[in-house]
Amino acid sequence: MNFYTRKWVRPEDLNANGTLFGGSLLRWIDEEAAVYAIIQLGNGKVVTKYMSEIVFVSSAREGDIVEIGLVATRFGRTSLTMRAEARNLFTHRSILTIDEVVFVNLDEDGNPAPHGYTDITYARDRVPAAHRA
């Protein structure tokens, strides 16, 4: 799994216990997963369909840096399934794991659409045409 995105835990990200609020972390993961799906599917129109059980293993405190890692595990006809993990950059201790995050590729009308991919790309060759330089 590659960890590309890092987030700094700030005061507004904390819960009443002074630790990272789970909702903030899930928002960060969903956003990063959307970006990952856009690059993997070559389409700027994707939506979150499903997240499996979310397992909080530990927490983070103000000033910590959280790394978010994703890896594609399965390509469906119109979907992409990935695994997610968030960990503390300093300790490498896992904060959260999600076995399945599913995104669906959409057409111009917002309907599920086949994407035609079966493997992970590590290049930028699938960046949507509208966003290429």
C-alpha atoms as a PDB file:
ATOM      1  CA  MET A   1       0.000   0.000   0.000  1.00  0.00           C
ATOM      2  CA  ASN A   2       1.275   3.445  -0.871  1.00  0.00           C
ATOM      3  CA  PHE A   3       0.791   6.371   1.492  1.00  0.00           C
ATOM      4  CA  TYR A   4       0.644   9.565  -0.559  1.00  0.00           C
ATOM      5  CA  THR A   5      -1.587  11.910   1.392  1.00  0.00           C
ATOM      6  CA  ARG A   6      -0.710  13.415   4.724  1.00  0.00           C
ATOM      7  CA  LYS A   7      -2.944  15.461   6.983  1.00  0.00           C
ATOM      8  CA  TRP A   8      -1.904  17.540   9.951  1.00  0.00           C
ATOM      9  CA  VAL A   9      -4.187  17.088  12.975  1.00  0.00           C
ATOM     10  CA  ARG A  10      -5.294  20.569  14.009  1.00  0.00           C
ATOM     11  CA  PRO A  11      -7.506  21.759  16.896  1.00  0.00           C
ATOM     12  CA  GLU A  12     -10.646  21.778  14.709  1.00  0.00           C
ATOM     13  CA  ASP A  13     -10.088  18.048  13.971  1.00  0.00           C
ATOM     14  CA  LEU A  14     -10.320  17.002  17.630  1.00  0.00           C
ATOM     15  CA  ASN A  15     -13.191  15.450  19.562  1.00  0.00           C
ATOM     16  CA  ALA A  16     -14.157  16.163  23.179  1.00  0.00           C
ATOM     17  CA  ASN A  17     -11.412  13.788  24.375  1.00  0.00           C
ATOM     18  CA  GLY A  18      -8.682  15.793  22.624  1.00  0.00           C
ATOM     19  CA  THR A  19      -8.048  13.079  20.028  1.00  0.00           C
ATOM     20  CA  LEU A  20      -8.732  12.961  16.303  1.00  0.00           C
ATOM     21  CA  PHE A  21     -12.473  13.009  15.555  1.00  0.00           C
ATOM     22  CA  GLY A  22     -13.383   9.916  13.514  1.00  0.00           C
ATOM     23  CA  GLY A  23     -15.600  11.977  11.200  1.00  0.00           C
ATOM     24  CA  SER A  24     -12.661  14.162  10.173  1.00  0.00           C
ATOM     25  CA  LEU A  25     -10.561  11.110   9.381  1.00  0.00           C
ATOM     26  CA  LEU A  26     -13.373   9.493   7.364  1.00  0.00           C
ATOM     27  CA  ARG A  27     -13.856  12.716   5.370  1.00  0.00           C
ATOM     28  CA  TRP A  28     -10.133  12.744   4.546  1.00  0.00           C
ATOM     29  CA  ILE A  29     -10.215   9.088   3.490  1.00  0.00           C
ATOM     30  CA  ASP A  30     -13.329   9.537   1.332  1.00  0.00           C
ATOM     31  CA  GLU A  31     -11.765  12.524  -0.418  1.00  0.00           C
ATOM     32  CA  GLU A  32      -8.486  10.708  -1.042  1.00  0.00           C
ATOM     33  CA  ALA A  33     -10.357   7.601  -2.235  1.00  0.00           C
ATOM     34  CA  ALA A  34     -12.325   9.751  -4.700  1.00  0.00           C
ATOM     35  CA  VAL A  35      -9.105  11.210  -6.122  1.00  0.00           C
ATOM     36  CA  TYR A  36      -7.614   7.703  -6.360  1.00  0.00           C
ATOM     37  CA  ALA A  37     -10.756   6.428  -8.157  1.00  0.00           C
ATOM     38  CA  ILE A  38     -10.706   9.351 -10.598  1.00  0.00           C
ATOM     39  CA  ILE A  39      -7.107   8.566 -11.553  1.00  0.00           C
ATOM     40  CA  GLN A  40      -7.654   4.797 -11.733  1.00  0.00           C
ATOM     41  CA  LEU A  41     -10.867   5.066 -13.785  1.00  0.00           C
ATOM     42  CA  GLY A  42      -9.939   8.099 -15.885  1.00  0.00           C
ATOM     43  CA  ASN A  43     -13.219   9.826 -15.117  1.00  0.00           C
ATOM     44  CA  GLY A  44     -13.964  12.840 -12.928  1.00  0.00           C
ATOM     45  CA  LYS A  45     -17.469  11.532 -12.248  1.00  0.00           C
ATOM     46  CA  VAL A  46     -17.263   8.906  -9.520  1.00  0.00           C
ATOM     47  CA  VAL A  47     -19.244   8.386  -6.315  1.00  0.00           C
ATOM     48  CA  THR A  48     -18.750   6.479  -3.099  1.00  0.00           C
ATOM     49  CA  LYS A  49     -21.078   3.477  -3.054  1.00  0.00           C
ATOM     50  CA  TYR A  50     -19.967   1.502  -0.032  1.00  0.00           C
ATOM     51  CA  MET A  51     -17.563   1.331   2.907  1.00  0.00           C
ATOM     52  CA  SER A  52     -17.203  -1.903   4.820  1.00  0.00           C
ATOM     53  CA  GLU A  53     -16.624  -2.106   8.545  1.00  0.00           C
ATOM     54  CA  ILE A  54     -14.442   0.727   9.757  1.00  0.00           C
ATOM     55  CA  VAL A  55     -11.982  -0.442  12.390  1.00  0.00           C
ATOM     56  CA  PHE A  56     -10.444   2.225  14.616  1.00  0.00           C
ATOM     57  CA  VAL A  57      -7.218   0.765  16.013  1.00  0.00           C
ATOM     58  CA  SER A  58      -5.704   3.783  17.739  1.00  0.00           C
ATOM     59  CA  SER A  59      -5.989   7.563  17.609  1.00  0.00           C
ATOM     60  CA  ALA A  60      -3.988  10.668  16.905  1.00  0.00           C
ATOM     61  CA  ARG A  61      -3.530  13.896  18.809  1.00  0.00           C
ATOM     62  CA  GLU A  62      -3.136  17.530  17.861  1.00  0.00           C
ATOM     63  CA  GLY A  63       0.105  18.058  15.956  1.00  0.00           C
ATOM     64  CA  ASP A  64       0.337  14.470  14.699  1.00  0.00           C
ATOM     65  CA  ILE A  65       0.521  13.842  10.975  1.00  0.00           C
ATOM     66  CA  VAL A  66      -1.771  11.175   9.575  1.00  0.00           C
ATOM     67  CA  GLU A  67      -0.873   9.292   6.404  1.00  0.00           C
ATOM     68  CA  ILE A  68      -3.640   7.838   4.230  1.00  0.00           C
ATOM     69  CA  GLY A  69      -2.943   4.791   2.114  1.00  0.00           C
ATOM     70  CA  LEU A  70      -5.101   3.186  -0.562  1.00  0.00           C
ATOM     71  CA  VAL A  71      -4.712   0.272  -2.927  1.00  0.00           C
ATOM     72  CA  ALA A  72      -7.092  -1.040  -5.578  1.00  0.00           C
ATOM     73  CA  THR A  73      -8.156  -4.611  -4.842  1.00  0.00           C
ATOM     74  CA  ARG A  74     -10.776  -5.262  -7.521  1.00  0.00           C
ATOM     75  CA  PHE A  75     -12.113  -3.709 -10.706  1.00  0.00           C
ATOM     76  CA  GLY A  76     -15.780  -4.399 -11.425  1.00  0.00           C
ATOM     77  CA  ARG A  77     -17.549  -3.535 -14.655  1.00  0.00           C
ATOM     78  CA  THR A  78     -18.588  -0.088 -13.351  1.00  0.00           C
ATOM     79  CA  SER A  79     -16.818  -0.032  -9.990  1.00  0.00           C
ATOM     80  CA  LEU A  80     -13.463   0.051  -8.249  1.00  0.00           C
ATOM     81  CA  THR A  81     -12.905  -1.533  -4.847  1.00  0.00           C
ATOM     82  CA  MET A  82      -9.970  -0.467  -2.710  1.00  0.00           C
ATOM     83  CA  ARG A  83      -8.544  -1.039   0.759  1.00  0.00           C
ATOM     84  CA  ALA A  84      -7.718   1.926   3.002  1.00  0.00           C
ATOM     85  CA  GLU A  85      -5.500   2.494   5.994  1.00  0.00           C
ATOM     86  CA  ALA A  86      -4.628   5.572   7.995  1.00  0.00           C
ATOM     87  CA  ARG A  87      -1.524   5.588  10.157  1.00  0.00           C
ATOM     88  CA  ASN A  88       0.502   7.963  12.285  1.00  0.00           C
ATOM     89  CA  LEU A  89       3.477   9.247  10.267  1.00  0.00           C
ATOM     90  CA  PHE A  90       5.679   9.498  13.349  1.00  0.00           C
ATOM     91  CA  THR A  91       4.969   6.093  14.917  1.00  0.00           C
ATOM     92  CA  HIS A  92       3.699   4.200  11.823  1.00  0.00           C
ATOM     93  CA  ARG A  93       1.000   2.894  14.138  1.00  0.00           C
ATOM     94  CA  SER A  94      -2.260   2.108  12.340  1.00  0.00           C
ATOM     95  CA  ILE A  95      -5.144   4.412  13.264  1.00  0.00           C
ATOM     96  CA  LEU A  96      -7.899   2.974  11.083  1.00  0.00           C
ATOM     97  CA  THR A  97      -8.450   0.243   8.498  1.00  0.00           C
ATOM     98  CA  ILE A  98     -11.241  -0.262   5.977  1.00  0.00           C
ATOM     99  CA  ASP A  99     -11.188  -3.497   3.986  1.00  0.00           C
ATOM    100  CA  GLU A 100     -13.498  -2.297   1.221  1.00  0.00           C
ATOM    101  CA  VAL A 101     -14.243   1.136  -0.176  1.00  0.00           C
ATOM    102  CA  VAL A 102     -16.257   0.942  -3.408  1.00  0.00           C
ATOM    103  CA  PHE A 103     -16.554   3.739  -5.955  1.00  0.00           C
ATOM    104  CA  VAL A 104     -18.792   3.691  -9.019  1.00  0.00           C
ATOM    105  CA  ASN A 105     -17.910   5.213 -12.374  1.00  0.00           C
ATOM    106  CA  LEU A 106     -20.689   7.465 -13.751  1.00  0.00           C
ATOM    107  CA  ASP A 107     -21.676   8.657 -17.214  1.00  0.00           C
ATOM    108  CA  GLU A 108     -22.708  12.214 -18.086  1.00  0.00           C
ATOM    109  CA  ASP A 109     -26.259  11.532 -16.834  1.00  0.00           C
ATOM    110  CA  GLY A 110     -25.090  10.224 -13.462  1.00  0.00           C
ATOM    111  CA  ASN A 111     -25.754   6.563 -14.228  1.00  0.00           C
ATOM    112  CA  PRO A 112     -23.267   3.727 -13.560  1.00  0.00           C
ATOM    113  CA  ALA A 113     -21.081   3.290 -16.637  1.00  0.00           C
ATOM    114  CA  PRO A 114     -18.498   0.672 -17.651  1.00  0.00           C
ATOM    115  CA  HIS A 115     -14.946   1.945 -17.294  1.00  0.00           C
ATOM    116  CA  GLY A 116     -13.034  -0.780 -19.149  1.00  0.00           C
ATOM    117  CA  TYR A 117     -10.101  -1.144 -16.716  1.00  0.00           C
ATOM    118  CA  THR A 118      -8.874  -4.287 -14.994  1.00  0.00           C
ATOM    119  CA  ASP A 119      -5.571  -3.266 -13.432  1.00  0.00           C
ATOM    120  CA  ILE A 120      -3.953  -0.559 -11.333  1.00  0.00           C
ATOM    121  CA  THR A 121      -2.121   2.306 -12.994  1.00  0.00           C
ATOM    122  CA  TYR A 122       0.851   3.986 -11.361  1.00  0.00           C
ATOM    123  CA  ALA A 123       1.181   6.612 -14.088  1.00  0.00           C
ATOM    124  CA  ARG A 124      -0.985   9.614 -14.841  1.00  0.00           C
ATOM    125  CA  ASP A 125      -2.214   8.154 -18.139  1.00  0.00           C
ATOM    126  CA  ARG A 126      -5.821   7.907 -16.961  1.00  0.00           C
ATOM    127  CA  VAL A 127      -6.237  11.481 -15.785  1.00  0.00           C
ATOM    128  CA  PRO A 128      -9.563  12.624 -17.291  1.00  0.00           C
ATOM    129  CA  ALA A 129      -9.051  14.331 -20.662  1.00  0.00           C
ATOM    130  CA  ALA A 130     -10.702  17.519 -19.389  1.00  0.00           C
ATOM    131  CA  HIS A 131      -7.915  17.887 -16.809  1.00  0.00           C
ATOM    132  CA  ARG A 132      -4.847  17.119 -18.928  1.00  0.00           C
ATOM    133  CA  ALA A 133      -2.430  19.940 -19.637  1.00  0.00           C
END
